[in-house]
């Protein structure tokens, strides 16, 4: 029987895009270790629609 790992897939969504009112969404899929980072993850990623680097926050 294989042991299940602590690594899970999470979706990161742009925080600035929702406020701008422009249609579409900027999302990234990544993995994180639940044991090391139990709270929601935040990363600076490129938003192709806004054409700049913005803060992307983990969504459920």
Protein backbone atom coordinates (compact mmCIF):
# COMPACT_ATOMS: atom_id res chain seq x y z
CA UNK A 1 0.00 0.00 0.00
CA UNK A 2 1.49 3.36 -1.09
CA UNK A 3 1.68 6.28 1.34
CA UNK A 4 -0.15 9.41 0.22
CA UNK A 5 2.10 12.50 0.03
CA UNK A 6 1.63 15.99 1.44
CA UNK A 7 1.92 17.60 -2.01
CA UNK A 8 -1.36 18.92 -3.46
CA UNK A 9 -2.32 20.80 -6.62
CA UNK A 10 -3.54 24.39 -6.13
CA UNK A 11 -4.97 27.03 -8.46
CA UNK A 12 -3.61 30.58 -8.31
CA UNK A 13 -5.88 33.40 -9.54
CA UNK A 14 -4.99 37.04 -10.23
CA UNK A 15 -6.20 39.51 -7.57
CA UNK A 16 -5.99 42.67 -9.73
CA UNK A 17 -7.89 41.21 -12.70
CA UNK A 18 -11.22 40.91 -10.83
CA UNK A 19 -11.12 44.59 -9.82
CA UNK A 20 -10.24 45.84 -13.32
CA UNK A 21 -13.56 44.74 -14.87
CA UNK A 22 -11.83 43.33 -17.99
CA UNK A 23 -13.37 39.99 -19.08
CA UNK A 24 -11.38 36.77 -18.63
CA UNK A 25 -9.23 35.38 -15.83
CA UNK A 26 -5.55 34.75 -15.27
CA UNK A 27 -4.97 31.41 -13.52
CA UNK A 28 -1.98 29.17 -12.89
CA UNK A 29 -1.85 25.59 -11.57
CA UNK A 30 1.00 24.64 -9.26
CA UNK A 31 1.75 22.30 -6.37
CA UNK A 32 2.53 22.98 -2.73
CA UNK A 33 3.47 20.99 0.33
CA UNK A 34 0.50 21.20 2.74
CA UNK A 35 2.71 20.47 5.75
CA UNK A 36 5.15 23.35 5.08
CA UNK A 37 2.59 25.92 3.84
CA UNK A 38 -0.81 25.28 5.46
CA UNK A 39 -2.13 28.80 4.71
CA UNK A 40 -3.07 30.14 1.28
CA UNK A 41 -0.22 30.71 -1.14
CA UNK A 42 0.59 34.03 -2.87
CA UNK A 43 2.96 34.43 -5.81
CA UNK A 44 3.81 37.16 -8.30
CA UNK A 45 3.02 35.82 -11.78
CA UNK A 46 2.57 37.31 -15.26
CA UNK A 47 -0.96 38.25 -16.31
CA UNK A 48 -1.12 38.11 -20.13
CA UNK A 49 -4.39 40.06 -20.34
CA UNK A 50 -3.16 43.01 -18.22
CA UNK A 51 0.37 42.57 -19.67
CA UNK A 52 2.14 42.92 -16.32
CA UNK A 53 3.25 40.95 -13.27
CA UNK A 54 0.55 40.80 -10.59
CA UNK A 55 -0.12 39.00 -7.30
CA UNK A 56 -1.87 35.64 -7.75
CA UNK A 57 -3.58 34.11 -4.71
CA UNK A 58 -4.65 30.52 -4.07
CA UNK A 59 -8.36 29.75 -4.51
CA UNK A 60 -10.32 26.74 -3.27
